[in-house]
């Protein structure tokens, strides 16, 4: 898994950069003002899955899996550390059902 750099959005502006989605998934630092952006440049839908590390009231690990249509961009967040940060490294883990022509970025306001 690659660790994505969180890009800080400021009044001075930011030149956005994206990364190719990693085949084994990616990780990023969580935060209450952090969001994840994914662009699926492929010809078919993919699924992006965020690993929720905090069990629900029913004791289950409720990961969030969302479809991203072909040629679509979606943004997700915020990512509160209490719910999303893995104990081992403090990062959010995200995986993809496909990575061909898929780009990702992480933002913080």
PDB file of N, CA and C in Angstrom:
ATOM      1  N   UNK A   1       0.836  -1.189   0.000  1.00  0.00           N
ATOM      2  CA  UNK A   1       0.000   0.000   0.000  1.00  0.00           C
ATOM      3  C   UNK A   1       0.873   1.242   0.000  1.00  0.00           C
ATOM      4  N   UNK A   2       0.527   2.173  -0.850  1.00  0.00           N
ATOM      5  CA  UNK A   2       1.240   3.448  -0.894  1.00  0.00           C
ATOM      6  C   UNK A   2       0.582   4.419   0.084  1.00  0.00           C
ATOM      7  N   UNK A   3       1.383   5.288   0.679  1.00  0.00           N
ATOM      8  CA  UNK A   3       0.847   6.321   1.561  1.00  0.00           C
ATOM      9  C   UNK A   3       0.714   7.610   0.769  1.00  0.00           C
ATOM     10  N   UNK A   4      -0.510   8.110   0.685  1.00  0.00           N
ATOM     11  CA  UNK A   4      -0.795   9.319  -0.071  1.00  0.00           C
ATOM     12  C   UNK A   4      -0.503  10.554   0.778  1.00  0.00           C
ATOM     13  N   UNK A   5      -0.007  11.602   0.154  1.00  0.00           N
ATOM     14  CA  UNK A   5       0.246  12.871   0.832  1.00  0.00           C
ATOM     15  C   UNK A   5      -1.049  13.663   0.903  1.00  0.00           C
ATOM     16  N   UNK A   6      -1.375  14.141   2.098  1.00  0.00           N
ATOM     17  CA  UNK A   6      -2.556  14.983   2.266  1.00  0.00           C
ATOM     18  C   UNK A   6      -2.193  16.393   1.829  1.00  0.00           C
ATOM     19  N   UNK A   7      -2.974  16.943   0.906  1.00  0.00           N
ATOM     20  CA  UNK A   7      -2.726  18.278   0.369  1.00  0.00           C
ATOM     21  C   UNK A   7      -3.557  19.301   1.139  1.00  0.00           C
ATOM     22  N   UNK A   8      -2.891  20.322   1.651  1.00  0.00           N
ATOM     23  CA  UNK A   8      -3.552  21.354   2.440  1.00  0.00           C
ATOM     24  C   UNK A   8      -4.129  22.422   1.522  1.00  0.00           C
ATOM     25  N   UNK A   9      -5.441  22.656   1.628  1.00  0.00           N
ATOM     26  CA  UNK A   9      -6.106  23.706   0.859  1.00  0.00           C
ATOM     27  C   UNK A   9      -6.055  24.986   1.691  1.00  0.00           C
ATOM     28  N   UNK A  10      -5.576  26.083   1.096  1.00  0.00           N
ATOM     29  CA  UNK A  10      -5.454  27.358   1.796  1.00  0.00           C
ATOM     30  C   UNK A  10      -6.034  28.480   0.937  1.00  0.00           C
ATOM     31  N   UNK A  11      -6.130  29.658   1.538  1.00  0.00           N
ATOM     32  CA  UNK A  11      -6.592  30.825   0.783  1.00  0.00           C
ATOM     33  C   UNK A  11      -5.610  31.216  -0.305  1.00  0.00           C
ATOM     34  N   UNK A  12      -4.350  30.843  -0.144  1.00  0.00           N
ATOM     35  CA  UNK A  12      -3.348  31.126  -1.169  1.00  0.00           C
ATOM     36  C   UNK A  12      -3.487  30.182  -2.361  1.00  0.00           C
ATOM     37  N   UNK A  13      -4.271  29.131  -2.184  1.00  0.00           N
ATOM     38  CA  UNK A  13      -4.485  28.170  -3.264  1.00  0.00           C
ATOM     39  C   UNK A  13      -3.527  27.000  -3.181  1.00  0.00           C
ATOM     40  N   UNK A  14      -3.849  25.972  -3.900  1.00  0.00           N
ATOM     41  CA  UNK A  14      -3.016  24.781  -3.973  1.00  0.00           C
ATOM     42  C   UNK A  14      -3.063  24.265  -5.410  1.00  0.00           C
ATOM     43  N   UNK A  15      -1.925  23.855  -5.910  1.00  0.00           N
ATOM     44  CA  UNK A  15      -1.882  23.213  -7.218  1.00  0.00           C
ATOM     45  C   UNK A  15      -2.147  21.727  -6.966  1.00  0.00           C
ATOM     46  N   UNK A  16      -3.307  21.229  -7.383  1.00  0.00           N
ATOM     47  CA  UNK A  16      -3.650  19.852  -7.061  1.00  0.00           C
ATOM     48  C   UNK A  16      -2.772  18.837  -7.784  1.00  0.00           C
ATOM     49  N   UNK A  17      -2.434  17.786  -7.072  1.00  0.00           N
ATOM     50  CA  UNK A  17      -1.728  16.664  -7.679  1.00  0.00           C
ATOM     51  C   UNK A  17      -2.494  15.390  -7.363  1.00  0.00           C
ATOM     52  N   UNK A  18      -2.497  14.473  -8.300  1.00  0.00           N
ATOM     53  CA  UNK A  18      -3.139  13.182  -8.104  1.00  0.00           C
ATOM     54  C   UNK A  18      -2.090  12.091  -8.250  1.00  0.00           C
ATOM     55  N   UNK A  19      -2.436  10.921  -7.767  1.00  0.00           N
ATOM     56  CA  UNK A  19      -1.557   9.754  -7.879  1.00  0.00           C
ATOM     57  C   UNK A  19      -2.357   8.615  -8.498  1.00  0.00           C
ATOM     58  N   UNK A  20      -1.665   7.719  -9.146  1.00  0.00           N
ATOM     59  CA  UNK A  20      -2.325   6.521  -9.650  1.00  0.00           C
ATOM     60  C   UNK A  20      -2.693   5.642  -8.467  1.00  0.00           C
ATOM     61  N   UNK A  21      -3.904   5.101  -8.483  1.00  0.00           N
ATOM     62  CA  UNK A  21      -4.335   4.201  -7.421  1.00  0.00           C
ATOM     63  C   UNK A  21      -3.443   2.963  -7.420  1.00  0.00           C
ATOM     64  N   UNK A  22      -3.001   2.540  -6.241  1.00  0.00           N
ATOM     65  CA  UNK A  22      -2.113   1.381  -6.116  1.00  0.00           C
ATOM     66  C   UNK A  22      -2.931   0.089  -6.127  1.00  0.00           C
ATOM     67  N   UNK A  23      -2.406  -0.914  -6.809  1.00  0.00           N
ATOM     68  CA  UNK A  23      -3.093  -2.194  -6.915  1.00  0.00           C
ATOM     69  C   UNK A  23      -3.413  -2.831  -5.575  1.00  0.00           C
ATOM     70  N   UNK A  24      -2.554  -2.668  -4.599  1.00  0.00           N
ATOM     71  CA  UNK A  24      -2.785  -3.226  -3.263  1.00  0.00           C
ATOM     72  C   UNK A  24      -3.518  -2.282  -2.344  1.00  0.00           C
ATOM     73  N   UNK A  25      -3.924  -1.120  -2.853  1.00  0.00           N
ATOM     74  CA  UNK A  25      -4.617  -0.133  -2.041  1.00  0.00           C
ATOM     75  C   UNK A  25      -3.689   0.991  -1.632  1.00  0.00           C
ATOM     76  N   UNK A  26      -4.254   1.971  -0.962  1.00  0.00           N
ATOM     77  CA  UNK A  26      -3.504   3.127  -0.489  1.00  0.00           C
ATOM     78  C   UNK A  26      -3.867   3.415   0.955  1.00  0.00           C
ATOM     79  N   UNK A  27      -3.087   4.312   1.579  1.00  0.00           N
ATOM     80  CA  UNK A  27      -3.340   4.767   2.942  1.00  0.00           C
ATOM     81  C   UNK A  27      -3.170   6.274   2.979  1.00  0.00           C
ATOM     82  N   UNK A  28      -3.817   6.896   3.958  1.00  0.00           N
ATOM     83  CA  UNK A  28      -3.654   8.335   4.148  1.00  0.00           C
ATOM     84  C   UNK A  28      -3.985   8.696   5.587  1.00  0.00           C
ATOM     85  N   UNK A  29      -3.485   9.848   6.021  1.00  0.00           N
ATOM     86  CA  UNK A  29      -3.730  10.330   7.375  1.00  0.00           C
ATOM     87  C   UNK A  29      -5.166  10.835   7.493  1.00  0.00           C
ATOM     88  N   UNK A  30      -5.895  10.407   8.534  1.00  0.00           N
ATOM     89  CA  UNK A  30      -7.269  10.860   8.711  1.00  0.00           C
ATOM     90  C   UNK A  30      -7.332  12.249   9.329  1.00  0.00           C
ATOM     91  N   UNK A  31      -8.514  12.830   9.331  1.00  0.00           N
ATOM     92  CA  UNK A  31      -8.743  14.118   9.971  1.00  0.00           C
ATOM     93  C   UNK A  31     -10.180  14.546   9.783  1.00  0.00           C
ATOM     94  N   UNK A  32     -10.666  15.376  10.699  1.00  0.00           N
ATOM     95  CA  UNK A  32     -12.048  15.832  10.642  1.00  0.00           C
ATOM     96  C   UNK A  32     -12.326  16.706   9.426  1.00  0.00           C
ATOM     97  N   UNK A  33     -11.286  17.280   8.834  1.00  0.00           N
ATOM     98  CA  UNK A  33     -11.438  18.130   7.649  1.00  0.00           C
ATOM     99  C   UNK A  33     -10.729  17.531   6.441  1.00  0.00           C
ATOM    100  N   UNK A  34     -10.639  16.209   6.418  1.00  0.00           N
ATOM    101  CA  UNK A  34      -9.935  15.513   5.340  1.00  0.00           C
ATOM    102  C   UNK A  34     -10.932  14.811   4.436  1.00  0.00           C
ATOM    103  N   UNK A  35     -10.713  14.943   3.125  1.00  0.00           N
ATOM    104  CA  UNK A  35     -11.539  14.186   2.195  1.00  0.00           C
ATOM    105  C   UNK A  35     -10.667  13.512   1.152  1.00  0.00           C
ATOM    106  N   UNK A  36     -11.223  12.453   0.585  1.00  0.00           N
ATOM    107  CA  UNK A  36     -10.563  11.604  -0.400  1.00  0.00           C
ATOM    108  C   UNK A  36     -11.275  11.780  -1.730  1.00  0.00           C
ATOM    109  N   UNK A  37     -10.502  11.928  -2.797  1.00  0.00           N
ATOM    110  CA  UNK A  37     -11.067  12.103  -4.140  1.00  0.00           C
ATOM    111  C   UNK A  37     -10.568  10.990  -5.044  1.00  0.00           C
ATOM    112  N   UNK A  38     -11.476  10.413  -5.824  1.00  0.00           N
ATOM    113  CA  UNK A  38     -11.104   9.363  -6.769  1.00  0.00           C
ATOM    114  C   UNK A  38     -11.729   9.667  -8.117  1.00  0.00           C
ATOM    115  N   UNK A  39     -10.942   9.477  -9.162  1.00  0.00           N
ATOM    116  CA  UNK A  39     -11.424   9.637 -10.529  1.00  0.00           C
ATOM    117  C   UNK A  39     -11.226   8.318 -11.260  1.00  0.00           C
ATOM    118  N   UNK A  40     -12.316   7.785 -11.769  1.00  0.00           N
ATOM    119  CA  UNK A  40     -12.281   6.539 -12.525  1.00  0.00           C
ATOM    120  C   UNK A  40     -12.281   6.888 -14.011  1.00  0.00           C
ATOM    121  N   UNK A  41     -11.120   6.834 -14.623  1.00  0.00           N
ATOM    122  CA  UNK A  41     -11.011   7.132 -16.041  1.00  0.00           C
ATOM    123  C   UNK A  41     -11.287   5.942 -16.928  1.00  0.00           C
ATOM    124  N   UNK A  42     -11.653   4.820 -16.335  1.00  0.00           N
ATOM    125  CA  UNK A  42     -11.886   3.595 -17.090  1.00  0.00           C
ATOM    126  C   UNK A  42     -13.261   3.536 -17.723  1.00  0.00           C
ATOM    127  N   UNK A  43     -13.507   2.465 -18.441  1.00  0.00           N
ATOM    128  CA  UNK A  43     -14.750   2.283 -19.172  1.00  0.00           C
ATOM    129  C   UNK A  43     -15.823   1.539 -18.404  1.00  0.00           C
ATOM    130  N   UNK A  44     -15.530   1.109 -17.172  1.00  0.00           N
ATOM    131  CA  UNK A  44     -16.543   0.416 -16.373  1.00  0.00           C
ATOM    132  C   UNK A  44     -16.435   0.854 -14.918  1.00  0.00           C
ATOM    133  N   UNK A  45     -17.489   0.599 -14.187  1.00  0.00           N
ATOM    134  CA  UNK A  45     -17.567   0.989 -12.781  1.00  0.00           C
ATOM    135  C   UNK A  45     -16.545   0.217 -11.938  1.00  0.00           C
ATOM    136  N   UNK A  46     -16.069   0.863 -10.866  1.00  0.00           N
ATOM    137  CA  UNK A  46     -15.210   0.200  -9.879  1.00  0.00           C
ATOM    138  C   UNK A  46     -15.819   0.430  -8.503  1.00  0.00           C
ATOM    139  N   UNK A  47     -15.317  -0.295  -7.519  1.00  0.00           N
ATOM    140  CA  UNK A  47     -15.738  -0.094  -6.136  1.00  0.00           C
ATOM    141  C   UNK A  47     -14.547   0.345  -5.321  1.00  0.00           C
ATOM    142  N   UNK A  48     -14.730   1.394  -4.530  1.00  0.00           N
ATOM    143  CA  UNK A  48     -13.713   1.857  -3.595  1.00  0.00           C
ATOM    144  C   UNK A  48     -14.200   1.498  -2.194  1.00  0.00           C
ATOM    145  N   UNK A  49     -13.300   0.933  -1.366  1.00  0.00           N
ATOM    146  CA  UNK A  49     -13.669   0.479  -0.028  1.00  0.00           C
ATOM    147  C   UNK A  49     -12.753   1.111   1.006  1.00  0.00           C
ATOM    148  N   UNK A  50     -13.364   1.747   2.015  1.00  0.00           N
ATOM    149  CA  UNK A  50     -12.632   2.350   3.120  1.00  0.00           C
ATOM    150  C   UNK A  50     -12.768   1.429   4.329  1.00  0.00           C
ATOM    151  N   UNK A  51     -11.637   1.104   4.955  1.00  0.00           N
ATOM    152  CA  UNK A  51     -11.618   0.173   6.081  1.00  0.00           C
ATOM    153  C   UNK A  51     -11.967   0.903   7.371  1.00  0.00           C
ATOM    154  N   UNK A  52     -13.148   0.619   7.895  1.00  0.00           N
ATOM    155  CA  UNK A  52     -13.590   1.166   9.174  1.00  0.00           C
ATOM    156  C   UNK A  52     -13.006   0.279  10.274  1.00  0.00           C
ATOM    157  N   UNK A  53     -12.227   0.837  11.174  1.00  0.00           N
ATOM    158  CA  UNK A  53     -11.565   0.027  12.198  1.00  0.00           C
ATOM    159  C   UNK A  53     -12.317  -0.005  13.519  1.00  0.00           C
ATOM    160  N   UNK A  54     -13.391   0.770  13.640  1.00  0.00           N
ATOM    161  CA  UNK A  54     -14.161   0.809  14.873  1.00  0.00           C
ATOM    162  C   UNK A  54     -15.432  -0.010  14.702  1.00  0.00           C
ATOM    163  N   UNK A  55     -15.620  -1.042  15.529  1.00  0.00           N
ATOM    164  CA  UNK A  55     -16.845  -1.841  15.417  1.00  0.00           C
ATOM    165  C   UNK A  55     -18.091  -0.991  15.680  1.00  0.00           C
ATOM    166  N   UNK A  56     -19.169  -1.327  14.994  1.00  0.00           N
ATOM    167  CA  UNK A  56     -20.442  -0.644  15.212  1.00  0.00           C
ATOM    168  C   UNK A  56     -21.040  -1.091  16.538  1.00  0.00           C
ATOM    169  N   UNK A  57     -22.204  -0.561  16.878  1.00  0.00           N
ATOM    170  CA  UNK A  57     -22.900  -0.963  18.107  1.00  0.00           C
ATOM    171  C   UNK A  57     -23.244  -2.443  18.113  1.00  0.00           C
ATOM    172  N   UNK A  58     -23.254  -3.054  16.940  1.00  0.00           N
ATOM    173  CA  UNK A  58     -23.580  -4.465  16.822  1.00  0.00           C
ATOM    174  C   UNK A  58     -22.327  -5.341  16.812  1.00  0.00           C
ATOM    175  N   UNK A  59     -21.149  -4.725  16.989  1.00  0.00           N
ATOM    176  CA  UNK A  59     -19.907  -5.474  17.068  1.00  0.00           C
ATOM    177  C   UNK A  59     -19.272  -5.814  15.746  1.00  0.00           C
ATOM    178  N   UNK A  60     -19.850  -5.339  14.643  1.00  0.00           N
ATOM    179  CA  UNK A  60     -19.277  -5.673  13.342  1.00  0.00           C
ATOM    180  C   UNK A  60     -18.435  -4.516  12.804  1.00  0.00           C
ATOM    181  N   UNK A  61     -17.529  -4.848  11.925  1.00  0.00           N
ATOM    182  CA  UNK A  61     -16.654  -3.871  11.274  1.00  0.00           C
ATOM    183  C   UNK A  61     -17.362  -3.424   9.993  1.00  0.00           C
ATOM    184  N   UNK A  62     -17.915  -2.234  10.016  1.00  0.00           N
ATOM    185  CA  UNK A  62     -18.710  -1.747   8.883  1.00  0.00           C
ATOM    186  C   UNK A  62     -17.857  -0.925   7.928  1.00  0.00           C
ATOM    187  N   UNK A  63     -17.178  -1.613   7.023  1.00  0.00           N
ATOM    188  CA  UNK A  63     -16.431  -0.905   5.981  1.00  0.00           C
ATOM    189  C   UNK A  63     -17.403  -0.165   5.076  1.00  0.00           C
ATOM    190  N   UNK A  64     -16.918   0.865   4.416  1.00  0.00           N
ATOM    191  CA  UNK A  64     -17.740   1.620   3.476  1.00  0.00           C
ATOM    192  C   UNK A  64     -17.267   1.289   2.065  1.00  0.00           C
ATOM    193  N   UNK A  65     -18.153   0.707   1.268  1.00  0.00           N
ATOM    194  CA  UNK A  65     -17.844   0.351  -0.118  1.00  0.00           C
ATOM    195  C   UNK A  65     -18.817   1.089  -1.026  1.00  0.00           C
ATOM    196  N   UNK A  66     -18.263   1.842  -1.989  1.00  0.00           N
ATOM    197  CA  UNK A  66     -19.091   2.680  -2.855  1.00  0.00           C
ATOM    198  C   UNK A  66     -18.655   2.497  -4.306  1.00  0.00           C
ATOM    199  N   UNK A  67     -19.634   2.404  -5.200  1.00  0.00           N
ATOM    200  CA  UNK A  67     -19.337   2.302  -6.630  1.00  0.00           C
ATOM    201  C   UNK A  67     -18.970   3.681  -7.177  1.00  0.00           C
ATOM    202  N   UNK A  68     -18.000   3.676  -8.082  1.00  0.00           N
ATOM    203  CA  UNK A  68     -17.609   4.882  -8.810  1.00  0.00           C
ATOM    204  C   UNK A  68     -17.787   4.550 -10.289  1.00  0.00           C
ATOM    205  N   UNK A  69     -18.721   5.222 -10.928  1.00  0.00           N
ATOM    206  CA  UNK A  69     -19.053   4.940 -12.325  1.00  0.00           C
ATOM    207  C   UNK A  69     -17.884   5.267 -13.250  1.00  0.00           C
ATOM    208  N   UNK A  70     -17.913   4.697 -14.431  1.00  0.00           N
ATOM    209  CA  UNK A  70     -16.912   4.999 -15.451  1.00  0.00           C
ATOM    210  C   UNK A  70     -16.913   6.493 -15.732  1.00  0.00           C
ATOM    211  N   UNK A  71     -15.729   7.060 -15.885  1.00  0.00           N
ATOM    212  CA  UNK A  71     -15.536   8.476 -16.211  1.00  0.00           C
ATOM    213  C   UNK A  71     -16.099   9.421 -15.154  1.00  0.00           C
ATOM    214  N   UNK A  72     -16.188   8.961 -13.896  1.00  0.00           N
ATOM    215  CA  UNK A  72     -16.737   9.786 -12.822  1.00  0.00           C
ATOM    216  C   UNK A  72     -15.672  10.119 -11.783  1.00  0.00           C
ATOM    217  N   UNK A  73     -15.912  11.226 -11.084  1.00  0.00           N
ATOM    218  CA  UNK A  73     -15.094  11.620  -9.943  1.00  0.00           C
ATOM    219  C   UNK A  73     -16.000  11.703  -8.728  1.00  0.00           C
ATOM    220  N   UNK A  74     -15.549  11.137  -7.598  1.00  0.00           N
ATOM    221  CA  UNK A  74     -16.303  11.218  -6.345  1.00  0.00           C
ATOM    222  C   UNK A  74     -15.369  11.673  -5.235  1.00  0.00           C
ATOM    223  N   UNK A  75     -15.962  12.354  -4.254  1.00  0.00           N
ATOM    224  CA  UNK A  75     -15.226  12.792  -3.068  1.00  0.00           C
ATOM    225  C   UNK A  75     -15.891  12.196  -1.842  1.00  0.00           C
ATOM    226  N   UNK A  76     -15.074  11.790  -0.865  1.00  0.00           N
ATOM    227  CA  UNK A  76     -15.563  11.135   0.343  1.00  0.00           C
ATOM    228  C   UNK A  76     -14.952  11.812   1.568  1.00  0.00           C
ATOM    229  N   UNK A  77     -15.687  11.826   2.671  1.00  0.00           N
ATOM    230  CA  UNK A  77     -15.137  12.346   3.900  1.00  0.00           C
ATOM    231  C   UNK A  77     -16.232  12.926   4.764  1.00  0.00           C
ATOM    232  N   UNK A  78     -15.892  13.425   5.915  1.00  0.00           N
ATOM    233  CA  UNK A  78     -14.563  13.476   6.519  1.00  0.00           C
ATOM    234  C   UNK A  78     -14.181  12.132   7.130  1.00  0.00           C
ATOM    235  N   UNK A  79     -12.933  12.010   7.527  1.00  0.00           N
ATOM    236  CA  UNK A  79     -12.394  10.767   8.071  1.00  0.00           C
ATOM    237  C   UNK A  79     -11.893  10.992   9.496  1.00  0.00           C
ATOM    238  N   UNK A  80     -12.795  10.877  10.448  1.00  0.00           N
ATOM    239  CA  UNK A  80     -12.466  11.031  11.852  1.00  0.00           C
ATOM    240  C   UNK A  80     -11.493   9.928  12.280  1.00  0.00           C
ATOM    241  N   UNK A  81     -10.419  10.312  12.949  1.00  0.00           N
ATOM    242  CA  UNK A  81      -9.385   9.351  13.335  1.00  0.00           C
ATOM    243  C   UNK A  81      -9.923   8.245  14.236  1.00  0.00           C
ATOM    244  N   UNK A  82     -10.875   8.547  15.110  1.00  0.00           N
ATOM    245  CA  UNK A  82     -11.417   7.525  16.016  1.00  0.00           C
ATOM    246  C   UNK A  82     -12.083   6.379  15.263  1.00  0.00           C
ATOM    247  N   UNK A  83     -12.651   6.673  14.131  1.00  0.00           N
ATOM    248  CA  UNK A  83     -13.344   5.640  13.353  1.00  0.00           C
ATOM    249  C   UNK A  83     -12.453   4.988  12.301  1.00  0.00           C
ATOM    250  N   UNK A  84     -11.526   5.756  11.720  1.00  0.00           N
ATOM    251  CA  UNK A  84     -10.832   5.285  10.526  1.00  0.00           C
ATOM    252  C   UNK A  84      -9.353   4.952  10.703  1.00  0.00           C
ATOM    253  N   UNK A  85      -8.688   5.457  11.727  1.00  0.00           N
ATOM    254  CA  UNK A  85      -7.240   5.259  11.871  1.00  0.00           C
ATOM    255  C   UNK A  85      -6.919   3.863  12.386  1.00  0.00           C
ATOM    256  N   UNK A  86      -6.118   3.126  11.637  1.00  0.00           N
ATOM    257  CA  UNK A  86      -5.699   1.794  12.050  1.00  0.00           C
ATOM    258  C   UNK A  86      -4.753   1.893  13.248  1.00  0.00           C
ATOM    259  N   UNK A  87      -4.868   0.962  14.169  1.00  0.00           N
ATOM    260  CA  UNK A  87      -4.037   0.980  15.372  1.00  0.00           C
ATOM    261  C   UNK A  87      -2.558   0.851  15.032  1.00  0.00           C
ATOM    262  N   UNK A  88      -2.238   0.104  14.008  1.00  0.00           N
ATOM    263  CA  UNK A  88      -0.838  -0.174  13.672  1.00  0.00           C
ATOM    264  C   UNK A  88      -0.079   1.048  13.187  1.00  0.00           C
ATOM    265  N   UNK A  89      -0.740   1.895  12.382  1.00  0.00           N
ATOM    266  CA  UNK A  89      -0.008   3.030  11.796  1.00  0.00           C
ATOM    267  C   UNK A  89      -0.750   4.365  11.841  1.00  0.00           C
ATOM    268  N   UNK A  90      -1.983   4.377  12.325  1.00  0.00           N
ATOM    269  CA  UNK A  90      -2.747   5.608  12.428  1.00  0.00           C
ATOM    270  C   UNK A  90      -3.300   6.115  11.107  1.00  0.00           C
ATOM    271  N   UNK A  91      -3.282   5.280  10.075  1.00  0.00           N
ATOM    272  CA  UNK A  91      -3.709   5.697   8.742  1.00  0.00           C
ATOM    273  C   UNK A  91      -5.014   5.018   8.327  1.00  0.00           C
ATOM    274  N   UNK A  92      -5.711   5.642   7.381  1.00  0.00           N
ATOM    275  CA  UNK A  92      -6.918   5.074   6.778  1.00  0.00           C
ATOM    276  C   UNK A  92      -6.490   4.192   5.618  1.00  0.00           C
ATOM    277  N   UNK A  93      -7.044   2.989   5.537  1.00  0.00           N
ATOM    278  CA  UNK A  93      -6.750   2.089   4.419  1.00  0.00           C
ATOM    279  C   UNK A  93      -7.911   2.120   3.425  1.00  0.00           C
ATOM    280  N   UNK A  94      -7.561   2.223   2.144  1.00  0.00           N
ATOM    281  CA  UNK A  94      -8.557   2.242   1.079  1.00  0.00           C
ATOM    282  C   UNK A  94      -8.110   1.275  -0.015  1.00  0.00           C
ATOM    283  N   UNK A  95      -9.063   0.494  -0.537  1.00  0.00           N
ATOM    284  CA  UNK A  95      -8.756  -0.448  -1.614  1.00  0.00           C
ATOM    285  C   UNK A  95      -9.714  -0.209  -2.779  1.00  0.00           C
ATOM    286  N   UNK A  96      -9.349  -0.763  -3.927  1.00  0.00           N
ATOM    287  CA  UNK A  96     -10.102  -0.546  -5.163  1.00  0.00           C
ATOM    288  C   UNK A  96     -10.304  -1.877  -5.875  1.00  0.00           C
ATOM    289  N   UNK A  97     -11.458  -2.037  -6.522  1.00  0.00           N
ATOM    290  CA  UNK A  97     -11.701  -3.263  -7.283  1.00  0.00           C
ATOM    291  C   UNK A  97     -10.984  -3.242  -8.620  1.00  0.00           C
ATOM    292  N   UNK A  98     -10.534  -2.083  -9.039  1.00  0.00           N
ATOM    293  CA  UNK A  98      -9.753  -1.925 -10.257  1.00  0.00           C
ATOM    294  C   UNK A  98      -8.944  -0.650 -10.157  1.00  0.00           C
ATOM    295  N   UNK A  99      -7.775  -0.613 -10.822  1.00  0.00           N
ATOM    296  CA  UNK A  99      -6.925   0.576 -10.719  1.00  0.00           C
ATOM    297  C   UNK A  99      -6.486   1.142 -12.070  1.00  0.00           C
ATOM    298  N   UNK A 100      -6.868   0.497 -13.160  1.00  0.00           N
ATOM    299  CA  UNK A 100      -6.467   0.985 -14.471  1.00  0.00           C
ATOM    300  C   UNK A 100      -7.131   2.329 -14.740  1.00  0.00           C
ATOM    301  N   UNK A 101      -6.355   3.323 -15.017  1.00  0.00           N
ATOM    302  CA  UNK A 101      -6.779   4.708 -15.267  1.00  0.00           C
ATOM    303  C   UNK A 101      -7.552   5.324 -14.091  1.00  0.00           C
ATOM    304  N   UNK A 102      -7.227   4.890 -12.869  1.00  0.00           N
ATOM    305  CA  UNK A 102      -7.851   5.436 -11.659  1.00  0.00           C
ATOM    306  C   UNK A 102      -6.827   6.307 -10.949  1.00  0.00           C
ATOM    307  N   UNK A 103      -7.211   7.542 -10.638  1.00  0.00           N
ATOM    308  CA  UNK A 103      -6.336   8.443  -9.895  1.00  0.00           C
ATOM    309  C   UNK A 103      -7.010   8.859  -8.595  1.00  0.00           C
ATOM    310  N   UNK A 104      -6.167   9.195  -7.606  1.00  0.00           N
ATOM    311  CA  UNK A 104      -6.667   9.533  -6.278  1.00  0.00           C
ATOM    312  C   UNK A 104      -5.911  10.741  -5.735  1.00  0.00           C
ATOM    313  N   UNK A 105      -6.524  11.422  -4.771  1.00  0.00           N
ATOM    314  CA  UNK A 105      -5.901  12.529  -4.077  1.00  0.00           C
ATOM    315  C   UNK A 105      -6.579  12.662  -2.709  1.00  0.00           C
ATOM    316  N   UNK A 106      -5.852  13.249  -1.755  1.00  0.00           N
ATOM    317  CA  UNK A 106      -6.389  13.486  -0.423  1.00  0.00           C
ATOM    318  C   UNK A 106      -6.209  14.948  -0.093  1.00  0.00           C
ATOM    319  N   UNK A 107      -7.256  15.563   0.472  1.00  0.00           N
ATOM    320  CA  UNK A 107      -7.278  16.992   0.732  1.00  0.00           C
ATOM    321  C   UNK A 107      -7.628  17.268   2.189  1.00  0.00           C
ATOM    322  N   UNK A 108      -7.122  18.361   2.705  1.00  0.00           N
ATOM    323  CA  UNK A 108      -7.487  18.846   4.035  1.00  0.00           C
ATOM    324  C   UNK A 108      -7.730  20.338   3.949  1.00  0.00           C
ATOM    325  N   UNK A 109      -8.829  20.768   4.549  1.00  0.00           N
ATOM    326  CA  UNK A 109      -9.161  22.198   4.587  1.00  0.00           C
ATOM    327  C   UNK A 109      -8.796  22.738   5.955  1.00  0.00           C
TER     328      UNK A 109
END
